[in-house]
């Protein structure tokens, strides 16, 4: 299990973590990632959401 200090240095979120920040359920998070509504990267079989891309997307949505 990781601690908050270890997570702070991480550059990516797991899909459900990113979705939770947006108020999505776990399933809705994966659906949004599959549709391309969440910025994702693949590392082998893992799907991750880059923190910088997610926060830029959120910041950009407020500007529209």
PDB file of N, CA and C in Angstrom:
ATOM      1  N   UNK A   1       0.844  -1.183   0.000  1.00  0.00           N
ATOM      2  CA  UNK A   1       0.000   0.000   0.000  1.00  0.00           C
ATOM      3  C   UNK A   1       0.885   1.240   0.000  1.00  0.00           C
ATOM      4  N   UNK A   2       0.500   2.256  -0.756  1.00  0.00           N
ATOM      5  CA  UNK A   2       1.312   3.470  -0.832  1.00  0.00           C
ATOM      6  C   UNK A   2       0.799   4.498   0.158  1.00  0.00           C
ATOM      7  N   UNK A   3       1.673   5.417   0.512  1.00  0.00           N
ATOM      8  CA  UNK A   3       1.289   6.503   1.405  1.00  0.00           C
ATOM      9  C   UNK A   3       1.013   7.753   0.591  1.00  0.00           C
ATOM     10  N   UNK A   4       0.406   8.724   1.228  1.00  0.00           N
ATOM     11  CA  UNK A   4       0.111   9.997   0.549  1.00  0.00           C
ATOM     12  C   UNK A   4       1.399  10.659   0.058  1.00  0.00           C
ATOM     13  N   UNK A   5       2.488  10.545   0.820  1.00  0.00           N
ATOM     14  CA  UNK A   5       3.758  11.149   0.410  1.00  0.00           C
ATOM     15  C   UNK A   5       4.272  10.521  -0.878  1.00  0.00           C
ATOM     16  N   UNK A   6       4.115   9.205  -1.016  1.00  0.00           N
ATOM     17  CA  UNK A   6       4.556   8.540  -2.239  1.00  0.00           C
ATOM     18  C   UNK A   6       3.683   8.932  -3.413  1.00  0.00           C
ATOM     19  N   UNK A   7       2.375   9.056  -3.189  1.00  0.00           N
ATOM     20  CA  UNK A   7       1.447   9.438  -4.244  1.00  0.00           C
ATOM     21  C   UNK A   7       1.702  10.859  -4.737  1.00  0.00           C
ATOM     22  N   UNK A   8       2.160  11.743  -3.863  1.00  0.00           N
ATOM     23  CA  UNK A   8       2.386  13.139  -4.234  1.00  0.00           C
ATOM     24  C   UNK A   8       3.455  13.260  -5.317  1.00  0.00           C
ATOM     25  N   UNK A   9       4.440  12.367  -5.332  1.00  0.00           N
ATOM     26  CA  UNK A   9       5.497  12.415  -6.318  1.00  0.00           C
ATOM     27  C   UNK A   9       5.149  11.708  -7.617  1.00  0.00           C
ATOM     28  N   UNK A  10       4.033  11.025  -7.650  1.00  0.00           N
ATOM     29  CA  UNK A  10       3.619  10.270  -8.826  1.00  0.00           C
ATOM     30  C   UNK A  10       3.080  11.223  -9.896  1.00  0.00           C
ATOM     31  N   UNK A  11       3.382  10.961 -11.147  1.00  0.00           N
ATOM     32  CA  UNK A  11       2.977  11.842 -12.240  1.00  0.00           C
ATOM     33  C   UNK A  11       1.665  11.443 -12.902  1.00  0.00           C
ATOM     34  N   UNK A  12       1.098  10.317 -12.461  1.00  0.00           N
ATOM     35  CA  UNK A  12      -0.131   9.823 -13.081  1.00  0.00           C
ATOM     36  C   UNK A  12      -1.143   9.390 -12.026  1.00  0.00           C
ATOM     37  N   UNK A  13      -2.408   9.376 -12.440  1.00  0.00           N
ATOM     38  CA  UNK A  13      -3.494   8.818 -11.629  1.00  0.00           C
ATOM     39  C   UNK A  13      -3.902   7.487 -12.222  1.00  0.00           C
ATOM     40  N   UNK A  14      -4.435   6.598 -11.399  1.00  0.00           N
ATOM     41  CA  UNK A  14      -5.151   5.443 -11.911  1.00  0.00           C
ATOM     42  C   UNK A  14      -6.481   5.986 -12.433  1.00  0.00           C
ATOM     43  N   UNK A  15      -7.092   5.302 -13.376  1.00  0.00           N
ATOM     44  CA  UNK A  15      -8.329   5.791 -13.990  1.00  0.00           C
ATOM     45  C   UNK A  15      -9.411   6.083 -12.942  1.00  0.00           C
ATOM     46  N   UNK A  16      -9.667   5.187 -11.999  1.00  0.00           N
ATOM     47  CA  UNK A  16     -10.697   5.497 -10.999  1.00  0.00           C
ATOM     48  C   UNK A  16     -10.356   6.711 -10.125  1.00  0.00           C
ATOM     49  N   UNK A  17      -9.059   6.917  -9.856  1.00  0.00           N
ATOM     50  CA  UNK A  17      -8.646   8.084  -9.060  1.00  0.00           C
ATOM     51  C   UNK A  17      -8.951   9.373  -9.814  1.00  0.00           C
ATOM     52  N   UNK A  18      -8.637   9.396 -11.100  1.00  0.00           N
ATOM     53  CA  UNK A  18      -8.905  10.581 -11.912  1.00  0.00           C
ATOM     54  C   UNK A  18     -10.407  10.817 -12.005  1.00  0.00           C
ATOM     55  N   UNK A  19     -11.154   9.748 -12.207  1.00  0.00           N
ATOM     56  CA  UNK A  19     -12.602   9.874 -12.281  1.00  0.00           C
ATOM     57  C   UNK A  19     -13.202  10.389 -10.994  1.00  0.00           C
ATOM     58  N   UNK A  20     -12.676   9.936  -9.878  1.00  0.00           N
ATOM     59  CA  UNK A  20     -13.181  10.377  -8.574  1.00  0.00           C
ATOM     60  C   UNK A  20     -13.022  11.886  -8.413  1.00  0.00           C
ATOM     61  N   UNK A  21     -11.921  12.426  -8.923  1.00  0.00           N
ATOM     62  CA  UNK A  21     -11.705  13.875  -8.868  1.00  0.00           C
ATOM     63  C   UNK A  21     -12.781  14.629  -9.652  1.00  0.00           C
ATOM     64  N   UNK A  22     -13.346  13.954 -10.646  1.00  0.00           N
ATOM     65  CA  UNK A  22     -14.380  14.559 -11.486  1.00  0.00           C
ATOM     66  C   UNK A  22     -15.793  14.165 -11.059  1.00  0.00           C
ATOM     67  N   UNK A  23     -15.889  13.396  -9.989  1.00  0.00           N
ATOM     68  CA  UNK A  23     -17.187  12.973  -9.496  1.00  0.00           C
ATOM     69  C   UNK A  23     -17.778  11.787 -10.240  1.00  0.00           C
ATOM     70  N   UNK A  24     -16.922  10.975 -10.855  1.00  0.00           N
ATOM     71  CA  UNK A  24     -17.380   9.822 -11.615  1.00  0.00           C
ATOM     72  C   UNK A  24     -17.232   8.541 -10.804  1.00  0.00           C
ATOM     73  N   UNK A  25     -18.072   7.572 -11.116  1.00  0.00           N
ATOM     74  CA  UNK A  25     -17.919   6.250 -10.525  1.00  0.00           C
ATOM     75  C   UNK A  25     -16.753   5.545 -11.213  1.00  0.00           C
ATOM     76  N   UNK A  26     -16.355   4.399 -10.666  1.00  0.00           N
ATOM     77  CA  UNK A  26     -15.265   3.628 -11.263  1.00  0.00           C
ATOM     78  C   UNK A  26     -15.615   3.240 -12.696  1.00  0.00           C
ATOM     79  N   UNK A  27     -16.826   2.713 -12.908  1.00  0.00           N
ATOM     80  CA  UNK A  27     -17.221   2.289 -14.250  1.00  0.00           C
ATOM     81  C   UNK A  27     -17.307   3.468 -15.206  1.00  0.00           C
ATOM     82  N   UNK A  28     -17.888   4.570 -14.758  1.00  0.00           N
ATOM     83  CA  UNK A  28     -17.999   5.758 -15.606  1.00  0.00           C
ATOM     84  C   UNK A  28     -16.617   6.303 -15.963  1.00  0.00           C
ATOM     85  N   UNK A  29     -15.662   6.161 -15.065  1.00  0.00           N
ATOM     86  CA  UNK A  29     -14.287   6.610 -15.326  1.00  0.00           C
ATOM     87  C   UNK A  29     -13.667   5.835 -16.475  1.00  0.00           C
ATOM     88  N   UNK A  30     -13.846   4.510 -16.457  1.00  0.00           N
ATOM     89  CA  UNK A  30     -13.294   3.686 -17.535  1.00  0.00           C
ATOM     90  C   UNK A  30     -14.010   3.939 -18.863  1.00  0.00           C
ATOM     91  N   UNK A  31     -15.309   4.192 -18.803  1.00  0.00           N
ATOM     92  CA  UNK A  31     -16.054   4.516 -20.026  1.00  0.00           C
ATOM     93  C   UNK A  31     -15.542   5.838 -20.596  1.00  0.00           C
ATOM     94  N   UNK A  32     -15.346   6.839 -19.741  1.00  0.00           N
ATOM     95  CA  UNK A  32     -14.838   8.140 -20.188  1.00  0.00           C
ATOM     96  C   UNK A  32     -13.439   7.998 -20.782  1.00  0.00           C
ATOM     97  N   UNK A  33     -12.605   7.157 -20.188  1.00  0.00           N
ATOM     98  CA  UNK A  33     -11.254   6.935 -20.707  1.00  0.00           C
ATOM     99  C   UNK A  33     -11.319   6.269 -22.075  1.00  0.00           C
ATOM    100  N   UNK A  34     -12.196   5.288 -22.215  1.00  0.00           N
ATOM    101  CA  UNK A  34     -12.325   4.571 -23.486  1.00  0.00           C
ATOM    102  C   UNK A  34     -12.828   5.501 -24.596  1.00  0.00           C
ATOM    103  N   UNK A  35     -13.747   6.418 -24.257  1.00  0.00           N
ATOM    104  CA  UNK A  35     -14.278   7.382 -25.232  1.00  0.00           C
ATOM    105  C   UNK A  35     -13.268   8.462 -25.583  1.00  0.00           C
ATOM    106  N   UNK A  36     -12.259   8.626 -24.757  1.00  0.00           N
ATOM    107  CA  UNK A  36     -11.286   9.683 -24.993  1.00  0.00           C
ATOM    108  C   UNK A  36     -11.601  10.957 -24.239  1.00  0.00           C
ATOM    109  N   UNK A  37     -12.592  10.905 -23.349  1.00  0.00           N
ATOM    110  CA  UNK A  37     -12.940  12.078 -22.549  1.00  0.00           C
ATOM    111  C   UNK A  37     -11.925  12.344 -21.443  1.00  0.00           C
ATOM    112  N   UNK A  38     -11.197  11.319 -21.050  1.00  0.00           N
ATOM    113  CA  UNK A  38     -10.082  11.470 -20.110  1.00  0.00           C
ATOM    114  C   UNK A  38      -8.789  11.245 -20.881  1.00  0.00           C
ATOM    115  N   UNK A  39      -7.786  12.104 -20.683  1.00  0.00           N
ATOM    116  CA  UNK A  39      -6.500  11.877 -21.344  1.00  0.00           C
ATOM    117  C   UNK A  39      -5.814  10.677 -20.710  1.00  0.00           C
ATOM    118  N   UNK A  40      -5.408   9.725 -21.516  1.00  0.00           N
ATOM    119  CA  UNK A  40      -4.781   8.521 -20.970  1.00  0.00           C
ATOM    120  C   UNK A  40      -3.495   8.178 -21.710  1.00  0.00           C
ATOM    121  N   UNK A  41      -2.672   7.415 -21.026  1.00  0.00           N
ATOM    122  CA  UNK A  41      -1.499   6.798 -21.642  1.00  0.00           C
ATOM    123  C   UNK A  41      -1.533   5.322 -21.284  1.00  0.00           C
ATOM    124  N   UNK A  42      -0.949   4.513 -22.149  1.00  0.00           N
ATOM    125  CA  UNK A  42      -0.859   3.072 -21.903  1.00  0.00           C
ATOM    126  C   UNK A  42       0.591   2.717 -21.605  1.00  0.00           C
ATOM    127  N   UNK A  43       0.760   1.919 -20.567  1.00  0.00           N
ATOM    128  CA  UNK A  43       2.064   1.376 -20.218  1.00  0.00           C
ATOM    129  C   UNK A  43       1.848  -0.132 -20.118  1.00  0.00           C
ATOM    130  N   UNK A  44       2.130  -0.824 -21.205  1.00  0.00           N
ATOM    131  CA  UNK A  44       1.794  -2.243 -21.267  1.00  0.00           C
ATOM    132  C   UNK A  44       0.285  -2.385 -21.217  1.00  0.00           C
ATOM    133  N   UNK A  45      -0.210  -3.131 -20.243  1.00  0.00           N
ATOM    134  CA  UNK A  45      -1.648  -3.308 -20.084  1.00  0.00           C
ATOM    135  C   UNK A  45      -2.273  -2.247 -19.189  1.00  0.00           C
ATOM    136  N   UNK A  46      -1.430  -1.442 -18.545  1.00  0.00           N
ATOM    137  CA  UNK A  46      -1.933  -0.434 -17.616  1.00  0.00           C
ATOM    138  C   UNK A  46      -2.415   0.811 -18.360  1.00  0.00           C
ATOM    139  N   UNK A  47      -3.489   1.386 -17.874  1.00  0.00           N
ATOM    140  CA  UNK A  47      -3.986   2.662 -18.398  1.00  0.00           C
ATOM    141  C   UNK A  47      -3.846   3.665 -17.266  1.00  0.00           C
ATOM    142  N   UNK A  48      -3.206   4.764 -17.548  1.00  0.00           N
ATOM    143  CA  UNK A  48      -3.011   5.812 -16.544  1.00  0.00           C
ATOM    144  C   UNK A  48      -3.417   7.165 -17.118  1.00  0.00           C
ATOM    145  N   UNK A  49      -3.758   8.076 -16.220  1.00  0.00           N
ATOM    146  CA  UNK A  49      -4.150   9.434 -16.599  1.00  0.00           C
ATOM    147  C   UNK A  49      -3.055  10.377 -16.107  1.00  0.00           C
ATOM    148  N   UNK A  50      -2.333  11.032 -17.030  1.00  0.00           N
ATOM    149  CA  UNK A  50      -1.293  11.971 -16.593  1.00  0.00           C
ATOM    150  C   UNK A  50      -1.903  13.135 -15.813  1.00  0.00           C
ATOM    151  N   UNK A  51      -1.343  13.423 -14.651  1.00  0.00           N
ATOM    152  CA  UNK A  51      -1.870  14.500 -13.811  1.00  0.00           C
ATOM    153  C   UNK A  51      -1.867  15.835 -14.555  1.00  0.00           C
ATOM    154  N   UNK A  52      -0.771  16.145 -15.240  1.00  0.00           N
ATOM    155  CA  UNK A  52      -0.660  17.434 -15.925  1.00  0.00           C
ATOM    156  C   UNK A  52      -1.739  17.577 -16.998  1.00  0.00           C
ATOM    157  N   UNK A  53      -1.966  16.509 -17.770  1.00  0.00           N
ATOM    158  CA  UNK A  53      -2.972  16.561 -18.832  1.00  0.00           C
ATOM    159  C   UNK A  53      -4.378  16.693 -18.268  1.00  0.00           C
ATOM    160  N   UNK A  54      -4.664  15.982 -17.176  1.00  0.00           N
ATOM    161  CA  UNK A  54      -5.995  16.068 -16.568  1.00  0.00           C
ATOM    162  C   UNK A  54      -6.248  17.468 -16.026  1.00  0.00           C
ATOM    163  N   UNK A  55      -5.274  18.023 -15.321  1.00  0.00           N
ATOM    164  CA  UNK A  55      -5.453  19.354 -14.751  1.00  0.00           C
ATOM    165  C   UNK A  55      -5.515  20.420 -15.840  1.00  0.00           C
ATOM    166  N   UNK A  56      -4.774  20.248 -16.919  1.00  0.00           N
ATOM    167  CA  UNK A  56      -4.856  21.186 -18.054  1.00  0.00           C
ATOM    168  C   UNK A  56      -6.234  21.108 -18.704  1.00  0.00           C
ATOM    169  N   UNK A  57      -6.771  19.892 -18.842  1.00  0.00           N
ATOM    170  CA  UNK A  57      -8.108  19.719 -19.404  1.00  0.00           C
ATOM    171  C   UNK A  57      -9.152  20.423 -18.542  1.00  0.00           C
ATOM    172  N   UNK A  58      -9.031  20.270 -17.220  1.00  0.00           N
ATOM    173  CA  UNK A  58      -9.975  20.896 -16.298  1.00  0.00           C
ATOM    174  C   UNK A  58      -9.846  22.416 -16.361  1.00  0.00           C
ATOM    175  N   UNK A  59      -8.610  22.907 -16.366  1.00  0.00           N
ATOM    176  CA  UNK A  59      -8.380  24.358 -16.443  1.00  0.00           C
ATOM    177  C   UNK A  59      -8.923  24.926 -17.742  1.00  0.00           C
ATOM    178  N   UNK A  60      -8.720  24.205 -18.839  1.00  0.00           N
ATOM    179  CA  UNK A  60      -9.211  24.647 -20.144  1.00  0.00           C
ATOM    180  C   UNK A  60     -10.721  24.664 -20.216  1.00  0.00           C
ATOM    181  N   UNK A  61     -11.377  23.743 -19.535  1.00  0.00           N
ATOM    182  CA  UNK A  61     -12.837  23.693 -19.545  1.00  0.00           C
ATOM    183  C   UNK A  61     -13.422  24.914 -18.850  1.00  0.00           C
ATOM    184  N   UNK A  62     -12.721  25.424 -17.854  1.00  0.00           N
ATOM    185  CA  UNK A  62     -13.205  26.616 -17.149  1.00  0.00           C
ATOM    186  C   UNK A  62     -13.058  27.878 -17.989  1.00  0.00           C
ATOM    187  N   UNK A  63     -12.170  27.843 -18.982  1.00  0.00           N
ATOM    188  CA  UNK A  63     -11.911  29.023 -19.809  1.00  0.00           C
ATOM    189  C   UNK A  63     -12.915  29.169 -20.938  1.00  0.00           C
ATOM    190  N   UNK A  64     -13.661  28.094 -21.238  1.00  0.00           N
ATOM    191  CA  UNK A  64     -14.581  28.138 -22.382  1.00  0.00           C
ATOM    192  C   UNK A  64     -15.865  28.842 -22.050  1.00  0.00           C
TER     193      UNK A  64
END
